[in-house]
């Protein structure tokens, strides 16, 4: 697998990264191998590089900021537990996003029943006889002006994304919000590039159908746009 990085090399390289962003960074895969050999600084650098991206991926997947933070900690915990078994067979990014994806799928399955119940539950927590969320926010509700309408549209789009089938939603989130290529997405989800593209297409078709009642002038700035490449 090539020459093993010593425990001192990553630290020297990390110091180089800290002093000059123009210098070449140590590869993620090399840092993971160094961490496997016992270099804690290498793991700290990996978390610094990927914390933000993984958090936003999980946030878009589960729709709850505090829960996404908890799941992010679970991702890094699994990285720690798997360090002894780590082998460079793919990019570290693909490997760690596969871990995050599996965690997000498990969370979505657990949350599905809770979400459906909360949609139909009364909104009044005190007496239990208030209108349900469906009654309070009918599908054709529109704000009185652009400023009031924008949050409603964003909520509609977010709700529509959360209702996509899991396979479509994960591809949509990785493509739309992380900007990953369909090839990378295919590697993460264990499918071909063409399959990833098909899932994206089906997701977009469903979203357009579910959001068809939104004024196109408003939808253009809030609703998802198709992007292939």
Protein backbone atom coordinates (compact mmCIF):
# COMPACT_ATOMS: atom_id res chain seq x y z
CA UNK A 1 0.00 0.00 0.00
CA UNK A 2 3.05 2.21 -0.16
CA UNK A 3 5.39 3.64 2.39
CA UNK A 4 3.80 4.04 5.81
CA UNK A 5 3.80 7.58 7.16
CA UNK A 6 5.66 7.94 10.43
CA UNK A 7 4.08 9.51 13.48
CA UNK A 8 6.24 12.62 13.12
CA UNK A 9 5.53 13.35 9.47
CA UNK A 10 1.88 14.41 9.86
CA UNK A 11 2.74 16.78 12.70
CA UNK A 12 5.39 18.48 10.62
CA UNK A 13 3.01 18.66 7.67
CA UNK A 14 0.20 19.98 9.87
CA UNK A 15 2.51 22.72 11.10
CA UNK A 16 3.22 23.54 7.48
CA UNK A 17 -0.49 23.77 6.73
CA UNK A 18 -1.05 26.06 9.71
CA UNK A 19 1.72 28.45 8.63
CA UNK A 20 0.97 28.58 4.89
CA UNK A 21 -2.24 27.72 3.06
CA UNK A 22 -0.32 27.82 -0.22
CA UNK A 23 1.68 24.71 0.64
CA UNK A 24 0.33 21.32 -0.37
CA UNK A 25 -1.83 19.74 2.30
CA UNK A 26 -1.25 16.27 3.64
CA UNK A 27 -3.78 13.99 1.95
CA UNK A 28 -6.78 12.94 4.02
CA UNK A 29 -5.89 9.30 3.46
CA UNK A 30 -2.36 9.84 4.78
CA UNK A 31 -3.76 11.61 7.83
CA UNK A 32 -6.10 8.70 8.50
CA UNK A 33 -3.23 6.25 8.26
CA UNK A 34 -1.23 8.41 10.66
CA UNK A 35 -4.17 8.48 13.06
CA UNK A 36 -4.37 4.71 12.84
CA UNK A 37 -0.71 4.66 13.88
CA UNK A 38 -1.51 6.76 16.93
CA UNK A 39 -1.16 10.38 15.84
CA UNK A 40 -3.99 12.29 17.53
CA UNK A 41 -3.05 15.52 15.73
CA UNK A 42 -3.85 13.86 12.40
CA UNK A 43 -7.39 13.09 13.59
CA UNK A 44 -7.84 16.65 14.82
CA UNK A 45 -6.93 17.93 11.36
CA UNK A 46 -9.40 15.55 9.70
CA UNK A 47 -12.22 16.74 11.96
CA UNK A 48 -11.29 20.38 11.27
CA UNK A 49 -11.41 19.80 7.52
CA UNK A 50 -14.66 17.86 7.36
CA UNK A 51 -16.75 18.91 10.37
CA UNK A 52 -18.62 21.69 8.57
CA UNK A 53 -19.44 19.72 5.43
CA UNK A 54 -20.56 16.64 7.33
CA UNK A 55 -22.70 18.72 9.67
CA UNK A 56 -24.58 20.38 6.81
CA UNK A 57 -25.03 17.04 5.08
CA UNK A 58 -26.57 15.58 8.24
CA UNK A 59 -28.63 18.70 8.87
CA UNK A 60 -30.18 18.51 5.40
CA UNK A 61 -30.77 14.80 5.91
CA UNK A 62 -32.48 14.92 9.31
CA UNK A 63 -33.77 18.51 9.43
CA UNK A 64 -32.85 19.17 13.06
CA UNK A 65 -29.78 21.16 14.07
CA UNK A 66 -29.26 19.70 17.54
CA UNK A 67 -29.84 16.16 16.29
CA UNK A 68 -27.44 16.74 13.38
CA UNK A 69 -24.77 17.81 15.87
CA UNK A 70 -25.32 14.62 17.86
CA UNK A 71 -25.11 12.52 14.70
CA UNK A 72 -21.91 14.33 13.69
CA UNK A 73 -20.33 13.20 16.94
CA UNK A 74 -21.48 9.66 16.13
CA UNK A 75 -19.77 9.88 12.72
CA UNK A 76 -16.43 10.79 14.27
CA UNK A 77 -16.89 8.19 16.99
CA UNK A 78 -17.31 5.54 14.31
CA UNK A 79 -14.20 6.83 12.54
CA UNK A 80 -12.27 6.37 15.79
CA UNK A 81 -13.64 2.87 16.29
CA UNK A 82 -12.86 1.89 12.69
CA UNK A 83 -9.32 3.29 12.57
CA UNK A 84 -7.68 -0.12 13.07
CA UNK A 85 -9.62 -1.54 10.10
CA UNK A 86 -9.09 1.44 7.82
CA UNK A 87 -7.56 0.59 4.44
CA UNK A 88 -7.03 3.08 1.61
CA UNK A 89 -9.37 1.65 -1.02
CA UNK A 90 -11.18 4.91 -1.81
CA UNK A 91 -10.95 8.60 -0.99
CA UNK A 92 -11.36 9.40 2.70
CA UNK A 93 -14.22 11.74 1.79
CA UNK A 94 -16.14 8.90 0.16
CA UNK A 95 -15.51 6.66 3.16
CA UNK A 96 -16.57 9.18 5.80
CA UNK A 97 -19.65 10.31 3.87
CA UNK A 98 -20.67 6.68 3.56
CA UNK A 99 -20.55 6.47 7.36
CA UNK A 100 -22.58 9.68 7.63
CA UNK A 101 -25.08 8.43 5.08
CA UNK A 102 -25.65 5.18 6.97
CA UNK A 103 -26.19 7.11 10.20
CA UNK A 104 -28.60 9.49 8.46
CA UNK A 105 -30.60 6.58 7.02
CA UNK A 106 -30.91 4.96 10.45
CA UNK A 107 -32.02 8.27 11.94
CA UNK A 108 -34.57 8.85 9.16
CA UNK A 109 -36.11 5.45 9.77
CA UNK A 110 -36.40 6.16 13.48
CA UNK A 111 -37.83 9.62 12.87
CA UNK A 112 -40.37 8.65 10.21
CA UNK A 113 -43.03 7.54 12.66
CA UNK A 114 -42.39 10.50 14.96
CA UNK A 115 -42.69 12.94 12.03
CA UNK A 116 -45.98 11.52 10.81
CA UNK A 117 -47.45 11.68 14.29
CA UNK A 118 -46.31 15.26 14.83
CA UNK A 119 -47.95 16.40 11.57
CA UNK A 120 -51.35 15.19 12.74
CA UNK A 121 -50.96 16.11 16.41
CA UNK A 122 -52.80 19.16 17.79
CA UNK A 123 -50.68 22.31 17.85
CA UNK A 124 -51.99 23.37 21.26
CA UNK A 125 -49.85 21.62 23.87
CA UNK A 126 -51.91 22.91 26.77
CA UNK A 127 -55.44 21.67 26.02
CA UNK A 128 -54.76 19.24 23.15
CA UNK A 129 -57.69 20.46 21.02
CA UNK A 130 -55.93 22.91 18.69
CA UNK A 131 -55.85 22.46 14.91
CA UNK A 132 -53.34 20.06 13.37
CA UNK A 133 -50.39 21.33 11.35
CA UNK A 134 -52.16 20.25 8.14
CA UNK A 135 -55.20 22.34 9.12
CA UNK A 136 -53.16 25.33 10.22
CA UNK A 137 -50.96 25.41 7.07
CA UNK A 138 -53.05 24.36 4.08
CA UNK A 139 -51.18 23.53 0.87
CA UNK A 140 -52.26 26.71 -0.92
CA UNK A 141 -51.48 29.12 1.89
CA UNK A 142 -49.60 32.23 0.68
CA UNK A 143 -48.09 35.13 2.62
CA UNK A 144 -49.35 38.70 2.29
CA UNK A 145 -46.07 39.95 0.85
CA UNK A 146 -42.74 38.62 -0.38
CA UNK A 147 -41.08 38.94 3.03
CA UNK A 148 -43.86 36.96 4.71
CA UNK A 149 -44.12 34.43 1.91
CA UNK A 150 -40.44 33.46 1.68
CA UNK A 151 -40.31 31.50 4.98
CA UNK A 152 -43.50 29.64 4.00
CA UNK A 153 -41.97 28.65 0.67
CA UNK A 154 -38.73 27.54 2.33
CA UNK A 155 -40.73 25.45 4.78
CA UNK A 156 -42.71 23.91 1.93
CA UNK A 157 -39.53 23.03 0.03
CA UNK A 158 -37.89 21.59 3.16
CA UNK A 159 -40.98 19.53 3.93
CA UNK A 160 -41.16 18.25 0.35
CA UNK A 161 -37.49 17.23 0.45
CA UNK A 162 -38.03 15.40 3.75
CA UNK A 163 -40.85 13.40 2.16
CA UNK A 164 -38.73 12.13 -0.74
CA UNK A 165 -37.92 8.41 -0.71
CA UNK A 166 -34.64 7.88 1.15
CA UNK A 167 -32.66 6.89 -1.96
CA UNK A 168 -33.80 10.00 -3.81
CA UNK A 169 -33.40 12.35 -0.85
CA UNK A 170 -29.81 11.38 -0.10
CA UNK A 171 -28.77 11.88 -3.74
CA UNK A 172 -30.64 15.21 -3.87
CA UNK A 173 -28.99 16.45 -0.66
CA UNK A 174 -25.48 15.43 -1.69
CA UNK A 175 -25.91 16.97 -5.14
CA UNK A 176 -27.92 20.10 -4.34
CA UNK A 177 -26.38 21.10 -1.03
CA UNK A 178 -22.89 19.53 -1.07
CA UNK A 179 -22.16 19.93 -4.79
CA UNK A 180 -20.83 16.39 -5.11
CA UNK A 181 -20.44 14.86 -8.56
CA UNK A 182 -22.74 12.00 -9.55
CA UNK A 183 -19.69 9.75 -9.65
CA UNK A 184 -18.85 10.58 -6.03
CA UNK A 185 -22.47 10.18 -4.99
CA UNK A 186 -22.59 6.78 -6.68
CA UNK A 187 -19.52 5.68 -4.71
CA UNK A 188 -21.12 6.77 -1.44
CA UNK A 189 -24.49 5.10 -2.02
CA UNK A 190 -23.10 2.02 -3.73
CA UNK A 191 -24.70 2.65 -7.12
CA UNK A 192 -23.59 3.56 -10.62
CA UNK A 193 -23.23 7.14 -11.77
CA UNK A 194 -26.24 6.73 -14.08
CA UNK A 195 -28.34 5.37 -11.19
CA UNK A 196 -27.43 8.42 -9.12
CA UNK A 197 -28.51 10.66 -12.00
CA UNK A 198 -31.81 8.78 -12.33
CA UNK A 199 -32.54 9.17 -8.63
CA UNK A 200 -31.84 12.88 -8.88
CA UNK A 201 -34.19 13.16 -11.84
CA UNK A 202 -36.98 11.32 -10.01
CA UNK A 203 -36.43 13.52 -6.94
CA UNK A 204 -36.73 16.68 -9.01
CA UNK A 205 -39.86 15.42 -10.74
CA UNK A 206 -41.52 14.64 -7.41
CA UNK A 207 -40.52 17.98 -5.91
CA UNK A 208 -41.91 19.88 -8.89
CA UNK A 209 -45.16 17.97 -8.59
CA UNK A 210 -45.43 18.51 -4.83
CA UNK A 211 -44.59 22.21 -5.16
CA UNK A 212 -46.61 22.87 -8.33
CA UNK A 213 -48.99 25.25 -6.54
CA UNK A 214 -46.18 27.68 -5.67
CA UNK A 215 -46.08 30.75 -7.90
CA UNK A 216 -43.21 30.14 -10.39
CA UNK A 217 -41.91 33.65 -9.72
CA UNK A 218 -41.46 32.73 -6.06
CA UNK A 219 -40.41 29.16 -6.74
CA UNK A 220 -37.48 30.29 -8.89
CA UNK A 221 -35.61 31.59 -5.86
CA UNK A 222 -36.60 28.93 -3.33
CA UNK A 223 -37.29 25.66 -5.11
CA UNK A 224 -34.54 23.25 -6.24
CA UNK A 225 -33.00 23.62 -9.66
CA UNK A 226 -31.77 20.77 -11.78
CA UNK A 227 -28.03 20.42 -12.13
CA UNK A 228 -26.15 17.74 -14.00
CA UNK A 229 -22.50 17.47 -14.73
